[in-house]
Amino acid sequence: SNNTSMGGGGTSEDGGAWTWPGTPGSGSDTNGAVKFGPEVPEDVPDWVKDLYKQAHEFPEETYLQELLKDTGGEPRKIEMNARRKLAESTSDRSAPSGVPPAEAQMKVRFDEVDPFSLWVWFEFYDVPNEAEREMLQNVLESWFILGKLGSFNALNLQLSDSYESGPSFFNYDVSELESSLPAMFHELREAEFEGSLGRTWVNMGTCDEIALDMLINALHNFSRECCSIRELTIGGQSVSGWQAPKIRSVFDQAGDLDMASGDLK
């Protein structure tokens, strides 16, 4: 359709006149609301009249004009325009800014790994906002809670290790829960952020490496659905010049105790 300035008129796609206040045949209602498309019926709800009035009083708010365009004031059509705009806005936010979807795959890199003092690093495509940081912290805390409860025990994966039958009517051996060694997380620190980088520290305790597989799986989908991660780094003491403080593992602390007890003898 042809667009117009406040001083002229135009024609909508369905032939209805676009009219503006202050011009001949403007068709403005008693509230001074401009007509964006065909004439607006007199019996429209008050909220529709208010939208037209606001579109006239604040022409810089173009989204109001887009909501009203070619609706003739029909609430159903206005609602359809609103839903379409919301879907477009959600779609625009789903991919990282300026990055083609094909290039938005999260990369995974492993540095030196100490499971008792492990740094996990996140490099984002954009600086994460407060809501995205909170969602990432929720993911990490959920992962930690599962680890704290001993979920990541590779010695008891009865269903995964069963190649002969599916889960239906599976004969689960409860004694395996008691006979396998405990595999539990010890500690997780709150995630820290600096620009487009983030990091967290965890003491994985006696958990098996399957815990890292589960974290990578979760963060892969988090990156696609919530906040795009350029690269995930497991381990190491620095990323992009951001140095981590030295956090002593339980073995370092145990060594100090042994030395101290030796000095006392």
C-alpha atoms as a PDB file:
ATOM      1  CA  SER A   1       0.000   0.000   0.000  1.00  0.00           C
ATOM      2  CA  ASN A   2       0.987   3.635  -0.453  1.00  0.00           C
ATOM      3  CA  ASN A   3       2.099   5.431   2.686  1.00  0.00           C
ATOM      4  CA  THR A   4       1.386   9.107   3.329  1.00  0.00           C
ATOM      5  CA  SER A   5       2.491  11.971   5.501  1.00  0.00           C
ATOM      6  CA  MET A   6       0.250  13.795   7.918  1.00  0.00           C
ATOM      7  CA  GLY A   7      -0.476  16.354   5.237  1.00  0.00           C
ATOM      8  CA  GLY A   8      -1.883  14.058   2.557  1.00  0.00           C
ATOM      9  CA  GLY A   9      -3.856  10.947   1.797  1.00  0.00           C
ATOM     10  CA  GLY A  10      -3.370   7.559   0.222  1.00  0.00           C
ATOM     11  CA  THR A  11      -5.074   4.345  -0.736  1.00  0.00           C
ATOM     12  CA  SER A  12      -5.048   1.063   1.179  1.00  0.00           C
ATOM     13  CA  GLU A  13      -4.529  -2.320  -0.459  1.00  0.00           C
ATOM     14  CA  ASP A  14      -8.246  -3.131  -0.501  1.00  0.00           C
ATOM     15  CA  GLY A  15      -9.169   0.225  -2.010  1.00  0.00           C
ATOM     16  CA  GLY A  16     -10.263   1.850   1.231  1.00  0.00           C
ATOM     17  CA  ALA A  17      -9.143   5.442   1.669  1.00  0.00           C
ATOM     18  CA  TRP A  18      -6.356   6.317   4.051  1.00  0.00           C
ATOM     19  CA  THR A  19      -7.378   9.639   5.558  1.00  0.00           C
ATOM     20  CA  TRP A  20      -5.788  12.000   8.025  1.00  0.00           C
ATOM     21  CA  PRO A  21      -7.101  14.747  10.284  1.00  0.00           C
ATOM     22  CA  GLY A  22      -6.993  18.254   8.932  1.00  0.00           C
ATOM     23  CA  THR A  23      -7.428  17.237   5.291  1.00  0.00           C
ATOM     24  CA  PRO A  24     -10.606  17.331   3.186  1.00  0.00           C
ATOM     25  CA  GLY A  25     -12.604  14.167   3.684  1.00  0.00           C
ATOM     26  CA  SER A  26     -10.376  13.093   6.544  1.00  0.00           C
ATOM     27  CA  GLY A  27     -13.151  11.167   8.173  1.00  0.00           C
ATOM     28  CA  SER A  28     -11.762  11.795  11.654  1.00  0.00           C
ATOM     29  CA  ASP A  29     -14.138  10.787  14.424  1.00  0.00           C
ATOM     30  CA  THR A  30     -15.185  13.099  17.199  1.00  0.00           C
ATOM     31  CA  ASN A  31     -12.096  12.097  19.184  1.00  0.00           C
ATOM     32  CA  GLY A  32      -9.810  13.211  16.355  1.00  0.00           C
ATOM     33  CA  ALA A  33      -8.678   9.628  15.689  1.00  0.00           C
ATOM     34  CA  VAL A  34      -7.133   9.147  12.260  1.00  0.00           C
ATOM     35  CA  LYS A  35      -8.495   6.439   9.953  1.00  0.00           C
ATOM     36  CA  PHE A  36      -5.805   3.911   9.003  1.00  0.00           C
ATOM     37  CA  GLY A  37      -7.672   2.082   6.238  1.00  0.00           C
ATOM     38  CA  PRO A  38     -11.409   1.739   5.581  1.00  0.00           C
ATOM     39  CA  GLU A  39     -13.888   3.770   7.588  1.00  0.00           C
ATOM     40  CA  VAL A  40     -14.205   2.682  11.196  1.00  0.00           C
ATOM     41  CA  PRO A  41     -17.685   1.649  12.328  1.00  0.00           C
ATOM     42  CA  GLU A  42     -19.231   3.817  15.001  1.00  0.00           C
ATOM     43  CA  ASP A  43     -20.005   0.876  17.276  1.00  0.00           C
ATOM     44  CA  VAL A  44     -16.397  -0.259  17.859  1.00  0.00           C
ATOM     45  CA  PRO A  45     -15.271  -0.769  21.482  1.00  0.00           C
ATOM     46  CA  ASP A  46     -13.762   2.170  23.323  1.00  0.00           C
ATOM     47  CA  TRP A  47     -10.315   0.535  23.392  1.00  0.00           C
ATOM     48  CA  VAL A  48     -10.296   0.512  19.567  1.00  0.00           C
ATOM     49  CA  LYS A  49     -11.134   4.230  19.495  1.00  0.00           C
ATOM     50  CA  ASP A  50      -8.335   4.819  21.990  1.00  0.00           C
ATOM     51  CA  LEU A  51      -5.866   3.017  19.691  1.00  0.00           C
ATOM     52  CA  TYR A  52      -6.825   5.268  16.786  1.00  0.00           C
ATOM     53  CA  LYS A  53      -6.540   8.327  18.974  1.00  0.00           C
ATOM     54  CA  GLN A  54      -3.074   7.304  20.203  1.00  0.00           C
ATOM     55  CA  ALA A  55      -1.947   6.542  16.638  1.00  0.00           C
ATOM     56  CA  HIS A  56      -2.931  10.084  15.680  1.00  0.00           C
ATOM     57  CA  GLU A  57      -1.404  11.786  18.719  1.00  0.00           C
ATOM     58  CA  PHE A  58       1.859   9.810  18.559  1.00  0.00           C
ATOM     59  CA  PRO A  59       2.650   9.288  14.844  1.00  0.00           C
ATOM     60  CA  GLU A  60       6.234   8.310  15.715  1.00  0.00           C
ATOM     61  CA  GLU A  61       4.869   5.130  17.326  1.00  0.00           C
ATOM     62  CA  THR A  62       4.572   3.321  13.993  1.00  0.00           C
ATOM     63  CA  TYR A  63       3.614   0.023  15.608  1.00  0.00           C
ATOM     64  CA  LEU A  64       0.192   1.510  16.409  1.00  0.00           C
ATOM     65  CA  GLN A  65      -0.375   2.259  12.740  1.00  0.00           C
ATOM     66  CA  GLU A  66       0.712  -1.281  11.849  1.00  0.00           C
ATOM     67  CA  LEU A  67      -1.791  -2.708  14.323  1.00  0.00           C
ATOM     68  CA  LEU A  68      -4.644  -0.701  12.788  1.00  0.00           C
ATOM     69  CA  LYS A  69      -3.692  -0.950   9.135  1.00  0.00           C
ATOM     70  CA  ASP A  70      -6.467  -2.419   6.916  1.00  0.00           C
ATOM     71  CA  THR A  71      -8.519  -3.555   9.911  1.00  0.00           C
ATOM     72  CA  GLY A  72     -11.452  -1.155   9.531  1.00  0.00           C
ATOM     73  CA  GLY A  73     -11.500  -1.012  13.302  1.00  0.00           C
ATOM     74  CA  GLU A  74     -12.517  -4.677  13.639  1.00  0.00           C
ATOM     75  CA  PRO A  75     -11.164  -6.011  16.969  1.00  0.00           C
ATOM     76  CA  ARG A  76     -10.538  -9.469  15.460  1.00  0.00           C
ATOM     77  CA  LYS A  77      -8.321  -8.077  12.706  1.00  0.00           C
ATOM     78  CA  ILE A  78      -6.458  -5.859  15.162  1.00  0.00           C
ATOM     79  CA  GLU A  79      -5.807  -8.911  17.321  1.00  0.00           C
ATOM     80  CA  MET A  80      -4.532 -10.840  14.274  1.00  0.00           C
ATOM     81  CA  ASN A  81      -2.116  -8.010  13.474  1.00  0.00           C
ATOM     82  CA  ALA A  82      -0.922  -7.999  17.091  1.00  0.00           C
ATOM     83  CA  ARG A  83      -0.328 -11.766  17.042  1.00  0.00           C
ATOM     84  CA  ARG A  84       1.586 -11.497  13.771  1.00  0.00           C
ATOM     85  CA  LYS A  85       3.820  -8.728  15.151  1.00  0.00           C
ATOM     86  CA  LEU A  86       4.464 -10.761  18.316  1.00  0.00           C
ATOM     87  CA  ALA A  87       5.427 -13.836  16.254  1.00  0.00           C
ATOM     88  CA  GLU A  88       7.806 -11.744  14.130  1.00  0.00           C
ATOM     89  CA  SER A  89       9.371 -10.212  17.239  1.00  0.00           C
ATOM     90  CA  THR A  90       9.871 -13.635  18.864  1.00  0.00           C
ATOM     91  CA  SER A  91      11.399 -15.011  15.659  1.00  0.00           C
ATOM     92  CA  ASP A  92      13.830 -12.099  15.459  1.00  0.00           C
ATOM     93  CA  ARG A  93      15.083 -12.760  19.003  1.00  0.00           C
ATOM     94  CA  SER A  94      15.554 -16.504  18.507  1.00  0.00           C
ATOM     95  CA  ALA A  95      18.782 -16.128  16.501  1.00  0.00           C
ATOM     96  CA  PRO A  96      21.878 -14.268  17.648  1.00  0.00           C
ATOM     97  CA  SER A  97      22.170 -10.731  16.354  1.00  0.00           C
ATOM     98  CA  GLY A  98      23.994 -10.525  13.028  1.00  0.00           C
ATOM     99  CA  VAL A  99      24.808 -14.255  13.027  1.00  0.00           C
ATOM    100  CA  PRO A 100      23.324 -16.616  10.403  1.00  0.00           C
ATOM    101  CA  PRO A 101      21.587 -19.621  12.061  1.00  0.00           C
ATOM    102  CA  ALA A 102      24.012 -22.017  10.345  1.00  0.00           C
ATOM    103  CA  GLU A 103      26.910 -20.365  12.172  1.00  0.00           C
ATOM    104  CA  ALA A 104      25.196 -20.252  15.563  1.00  0.00           C
ATOM    105  CA  GLN A 105      26.253 -23.790  16.555  1.00  0.00           C
ATOM    106  CA  MET A 106      27.803 -23.878  20.016  1.00  0.00           C
ATOM    107  CA  LYS A 107      31.428 -25.031  19.898  1.00  0.00           C
ATOM    108  CA  VAL A 108      32.789 -27.208  22.713  1.00  0.00           C
ATOM    109  CA  ARG A 109      36.434 -27.125  23.785  1.00  0.00           C
ATOM    110  CA  PHE A 110      38.215 -28.985  26.580  1.00  0.00           C
ATOM    111  CA  ASP A 111      41.187 -27.537  28.447  1.00  0.00           C
ATOM    112  CA  GLU A 112      42.954 -29.144  31.416  1.00  0.00           C
ATOM    113  CA  VAL A 113      40.267 -30.661  33.631  1.00  0.00           C
ATOM    114  CA  ASP A 114      40.449 -31.081  37.402  1.00  0.00           C
ATOM    115  CA  PRO A 115      37.059 -32.483  38.450  1.00  0.00           C
ATOM    116  CA  PHE A 116      37.621 -31.319  42.022  1.00  0.00           C
ATOM    117  CA  SER A 117      38.278 -27.727  40.954  1.00  0.00           C
ATOM    118  CA  LEU A 118      36.712 -27.203  37.550  1.00  0.00           C
ATOM    119  CA  TRP A 119      36.014 -23.949  35.725  1.00  0.00           C
ATOM    120  CA  VAL A 120      33.346 -23.955  33.014  1.00  0.00           C
ATOM    121  CA  TRP A 121      33.501 -20.996  30.599  1.00  0.00           C
ATOM    122  CA  PHE A 122      30.868 -19.487  28.311  1.00  0.00           C
ATOM    123  CA  GLU A 123      31.559 -17.175  25.382  1.00  0.00           C
ATOM    124  CA  PHE A 124      28.275 -15.659  24.133  1.00  0.00           C
ATOM    125  CA  TYR A 125      27.537 -14.093  20.756  1.00  0.00           C
ATOM    126  CA  ASP A 126      26.100 -11.040  22.550  1.00  0.00           C
ATOM    127  CA  VAL A 127      26.278  -9.696  26.086  1.00  0.00           C
ATOM    128  CA  PRO A 128      23.599 -11.654  27.995  1.00  0.00           C
ATOM    129  CA  ASN A 129      20.911  -9.632  29.734  1.00  0.00           C
ATOM    130  CA  GLU A 130      19.776 -10.160  33.323  1.00  0.00           C
ATOM    131  CA  ALA A 131      17.012 -12.611  32.394  1.00  0.00           C
ATOM    132  CA  GLU A 132      19.385 -14.719  30.276  1.00  0.00           C
ATOM    133  CA  ARG A 133      21.960 -14.787  33.076  1.00  0.00           C
ATOM    134  CA  GLU A 134      19.296 -15.954  35.507  1.00  0.00           C
ATOM    135  CA  MET A 135      18.164 -18.712  33.124  1.00  0.00           C
ATOM    136  CA  LEU A 136      21.741 -19.948  32.760  1.00  0.00           C
ATOM    137  CA  GLN A 137      22.154 -19.977  36.548  1.00  0.00           C
ATOM    138  CA  ASN A 138      18.939 -22.025  36.809  1.00  0.00           C
ATOM    139  CA  VAL A 139      20.336 -24.556  34.315  1.00  0.00           C
ATOM    140  CA  LEU A 140      23.589 -24.856  36.280  1.00  0.00           C
ATOM    141  CA  GLU A 141      21.801 -25.200  39.607  1.00  0.00           C
ATOM    142  CA  SER A 142      19.499 -27.897  38.202  1.00  0.00           C
ATOM    143  CA  TRP A 143      22.553 -29.762  36.917  1.00  0.00           C
ATOM    144  CA  PHE A 144      24.217 -29.415  40.328  1.00  0.00           C
ATOM    145  CA  ILE A 145      21.163 -30.638  42.226  1.00  0.00           C
ATOM    146  CA  LEU A 146      21.035 -33.773  40.079  1.00  0.00           C
ATOM    147  CA  GLY A 147      24.749 -34.295  40.711  1.00  0.00           C
ATOM    148  CA  LYS A 148      24.355 -33.662  44.427  1.00  0.00           C
ATOM    149  CA  LEU A 149      21.749 -36.436  44.519  1.00  0.00           C
ATOM    150  CA  GLY A 150      24.093 -38.881  42.786  1.00  0.00           C
ATOM    151  CA  SER A 151      22.368 -38.902  39.390  1.00  0.00           C
ATOM    152  CA  PHE A 152      25.570 -39.045  37.323  1.00  0.00           C
ATOM    153  CA  ASN A 153      26.669 -42.538  38.312  1.00  0.00           C
ATOM    154  CA  ALA A 154      28.051 -44.384  35.282  1.00  0.00           C
ATOM    155  CA  LEU A 155      28.172 -47.643  37.273  1.00  0.00           C
ATOM    156  CA  ASN A 156      24.387 -47.810  37.441  1.00  0.00           C
ATOM    157  CA  LEU A 157      22.944 -47.179  33.984  1.00  0.00           C
ATOM    158  CA  GLN A 158      20.833 -50.289  33.777  1.00  0.00           C
ATOM    159  CA  LEU A 159      18.421 -49.075  31.113  1.00  0.00           C
ATOM    160  CA  SER A 160      21.122 -47.516  28.936  1.00  0.00           C
ATOM    161  CA  ASP A 161      23.234 -50.670  29.214  1.00  0.00           C
ATOM    162  CA  SER A 162      20.329 -52.932  28.306  1.00  0.00           C
ATOM    163  CA  TYR A 163      20.571 -53.751  24.594  1.00  0.00           C
ATOM    164  CA  GLU A 164      18.111 -56.628  24.564  1.00  0.00           C
ATOM    165  CA  SER A 165      14.878 -54.943  25.583  1.00  0.00           C
ATOM    166  CA  GLY A 166      13.271 -51.574  26.006  1.00  0.00           C
ATOM    167  CA  PRO A 167      12.000 -50.018  29.247  1.00  0.00           C
ATOM    168  CA  SER A 168       8.624 -51.761  29.085  1.00  0.00           C
ATOM    169  CA  PHE A 169       8.405 -54.405  31.833  1.00  0.00           C
ATOM    170  CA  PHE A 170      12.107 -53.905  32.563  1.00  0.00           C
ATOM    171  CA  ASN A 171      13.396 -55.975  35.487  1.00  0.00           C
ATOM    172  CA  TYR A 172      15.201 -53.268  37.482  1.00  0.00           C
ATOM    173  CA  ASP A 173      17.772 -54.482  40.003  1.00  0.00           C
ATOM    174  CA  VAL A 174      17.380 -52.203  43.018  1.00  0.00           C
ATOM    175  CA  SER A 175      20.431 -53.751  44.686  1.00  0.00           C
ATOM    176  CA  GLU A 176      22.607 -51.965  42.118  1.00  0.00           C
ATOM    177  CA  LEU A 177      21.620 -48.667  43.748  1.00  0.00           C
ATOM    178  CA  GLU A 178      23.221 -49.755  47.000  1.00  0.00           C
ATOM    179  CA  SER A 179      26.228 -51.679  45.675  1.00  0.00           C
ATOM    180  CA  SER A 180      27.625 -48.985  43.360  1.00  0.00           C
ATOM    181  CA  LEU A 181      29.922 -46.362  44.796  1.00  0.00           C
ATOM    182  CA  PRO A 182      28.303 -42.979  45.553  1.00  0.00           C
ATOM    183  CA  ALA A 183      28.838 -40.353  42.835  1.00  0.00           C
ATOM    184  CA  MET A 184      27.989 -36.920  44.188  1.00  0.00           C
ATOM    185  CA  PHE A 185      28.789 -33.285  43.458  1.00  0.00           C
ATOM    186  CA  HIS A 186      30.305 -31.277  46.312  1.00  0.00           C
ATOM    187  CA  GLU A 187      30.055 -27.576  45.478  1.00  0.00           C
ATOM    188  CA  LEU A 188      28.931 -25.097  42.816  1.00  0.00           C
ATOM    189  CA  ARG A 189      29.667 -21.365  42.757  1.00  0.00           C
ATOM    190  CA  GLU A 190      27.321 -18.777  41.273  1.00  0.00           C
ATOM    191  CA  ALA A 191      28.073 -17.870  37.675  1.00  0.00           C
ATOM    192  CA  GLU A 192      30.073 -14.692  37.004  1.00  0.00           C
ATOM    193  CA  PHE A 193      29.897 -12.502  33.900  1.00  0.00           C
ATOM    194  CA  GLU A 194      32.199 -10.011  32.228  1.00  0.00           C
ATOM    195  CA  GLY A 195      30.908  -8.589  28.946  1.00  0.00           C
ATOM    196  CA  SER A 196      30.128 -11.460  26.572  1.00  0.00           C
ATOM    197  CA  LEU A 197      31.956 -13.979  28.797  1.00  0.00           C
ATOM    198  CA  GLY A 198      30.678 -16.039  31.694  1.00  0.00           C
ATOM    199  CA  ARG A 199      32.098 -18.704  33.992  1.00  0.00           C
ATOM    200  CA  THR A 200      31.227 -20.924  36.907  1.00  0.00           C
ATOM    201  CA  TRP A 201      33.263 -23.164  39.211  1.00  0.00           C
ATOM    202  CA  VAL A 202      32.278 -26.629  40.384  1.00  0.00           C
ATOM    203  CA  ASN A 203      33.718 -29.374  42.534  1.00  0.00           C
ATOM    204  CA  MET A 204      32.334 -32.487  40.857  1.00  0.00           C
ATOM    205  CA  GLY A 205      33.388 -34.708  43.742  1.00  0.00           C
ATOM    206  CA  THR A 206      33.031 -38.371  42.850  1.00  0.00           C
ATOM    207  CA  CYS A 207      30.678 -37.816  39.910  1.00  0.00           C
ATOM    208  CA  ASP A 208      31.555 -39.553  36.674  1.00  0.00           C
ATOM    209  CA  GLU A 209      32.333 -37.768  33.407  1.00  0.00           C
ATOM    210  CA  ILE A 210      28.786 -38.458  32.226  1.00  0.00           C
ATOM    211  CA  ALA A 211      27.893 -35.326  34.200  1.00  0.00           C
ATOM    212  CA  LEU A 212      29.800 -33.240  31.638  1.00  0.00           C
ATOM    213  CA  ASP A 213      28.006 -34.987  28.770  1.00  0.00           C
ATOM    214  CA  MET A 214      24.667 -34.091  30.367  1.00  0.00           C
ATOM    215  CA  LEU A 215      25.731 -30.472  30.874  1.00  0.00           C
ATOM    216  CA  ILE A 216      26.864 -30.128  27.256  1.00  0.00           C
ATOM    217  CA  ASN A 217      23.545 -31.566  26.040  1.00  0.00           C
ATOM    218  CA  ALA A 218      21.598 -29.105  28.191  1.00  0.00           C
ATOM    219  CA  LEU A 219      23.683 -26.091  27.178  1.00  0.00           C
ATOM    220  CA  HIS A 220      23.407 -27.011  23.501  1.00  0.00           C
ATOM    221  CA  ASN A 221      19.622 -26.597  23.686  1.00  0.00           C
ATOM    222  CA  PHE A 222      19.899 -23.610  26.038  1.00  0.00           C
ATOM    223  CA  SER A 223      22.058 -21.930  23.380  1.00  0.00           C
ATOM    224  CA  ARG A 224      19.458 -22.584  20.688  1.00  0.00           C
ATOM    225  CA  GLU A 225      16.395 -21.645  22.714  1.00  0.00           C
ATOM    226  CA  CYS A 226      17.497 -18.956  25.174  1.00  0.00           C
ATOM    227  CA  CYS A 227      20.876 -17.278  24.764  1.00  0.00           C
ATOM    228  CA  SER A 228      23.299 -18.191  21.982  1.00  0.00           C
ATOM    229  CA  ILE A 229      26.686 -19.466  23.155  1.00  0.00           C
ATOM    230  CA  ARG A 230      29.576 -19.168  20.714  1.00  0.00           C
ATOM    231  CA  GLU A 231      31.910 -21.516  22.615  1.00  0.00           C
ATOM    232  CA  LEU A 232      31.734 -23.633  25.758  1.00  0.00           C
ATOM    233  CA  THR A 233      35.095 -24.373  27.391  1.00  0.00           C
ATOM    234  CA  ILE A 234      35.444 -27.108  29.994  1.00  0.00           C
ATOM    235  CA  GLY A 235      38.454 -26.629  32.278  1.00  0.00           C
ATOM    236  CA  GLY A 236      41.407 -24.285  32.143  1.00  0.00           C
ATOM    237  CA  GLN A 237      42.255 -21.162  34.116  1.00  0.00           C
ATOM    238  CA  SER A 238      41.561 -18.393  31.583  1.00  0.00           C
ATOM    239  CA  VAL A 239      39.546 -17.567  28.474  1.00  0.00           C
ATOM    240  CA  SER A 240      40.132 -14.496  26.276  1.00  0.00           C
ATOM    241  CA  GLY A 241      42.460 -13.020  28.910  1.00  0.00           C
ATOM    242  CA  TRP A 242      39.962 -13.411  31.762  1.00  0.00           C
ATOM    243  CA  GLN A 243      41.978 -15.143  34.478  1.00  0.00           C
ATOM    244  CA  ALA A 244      40.262 -17.326  37.069  1.00  0.00           C
ATOM    245  CA  PRO A 245      41.285 -17.150  40.709  1.00  0.00           C
ATOM    246  CA  LYS A 246      43.067 -20.199  41.998  1.00  0.00           C
ATOM    247  CA  ILE A 247      40.654 -22.352  44.011  1.00  0.00           C
ATOM    248  CA  ARG A 248      42.380 -25.130  45.841  1.00  0.00           C
ATOM    249  CA  SER A 249      41.107 -28.653  45.353  1.00  0.00           C
ATOM    250  CA  VAL A 250      40.493 -31.049  48.209  1.00  0.00           C
ATOM    251  CA  PHE A 251      43.779 -32.790  47.370  1.00  0.00           C
ATOM    252  CA  ASP A 252      45.720 -29.531  47.788  1.00  0.00           C
ATOM    253  CA  GLN A 253      44.037 -28.975  51.144  1.00  0.00           C
ATOM    254  CA  ALA A 254      44.707 -32.564  52.222  1.00  0.00           C
ATOM    255  CA  GLY A 255      48.377 -32.113  51.310  1.00  0.00           C
ATOM    256  CA  ASP A 256      48.578 -29.000  53.472  1.00  0.00           C
ATOM    257  CA  LEU A 257      47.103 -30.932  56.393  1.00  0.00           C
ATOM    258  CA  ASP A 258      49.638 -33.722  55.960  1.00  0.00           C
ATOM    259  CA  MET A 259      52.505 -31.229  55.908  1.00  0.00           C
ATOM    260  CA  ALA A 260      51.145 -29.453  58.960  1.00  0.00           C
ATOM    261  CA  SER A 261      50.792 -32.710  60.895  1.00  0.00           C
ATOM    262  CA  GLY A 262      54.357 -33.648  59.884  1.00  0.00           C
ATOM    263  CA  ASP A 263      55.680 -30.355  61.218  1.00  0.00           C
ATOM    264  CA  LEU A 264      54.005 -31.030  64.546  1.00  0.00           C
ATOM    265  CA  LYS A 265      55.698 -34.371  64.973  1.00  0.00           C
END
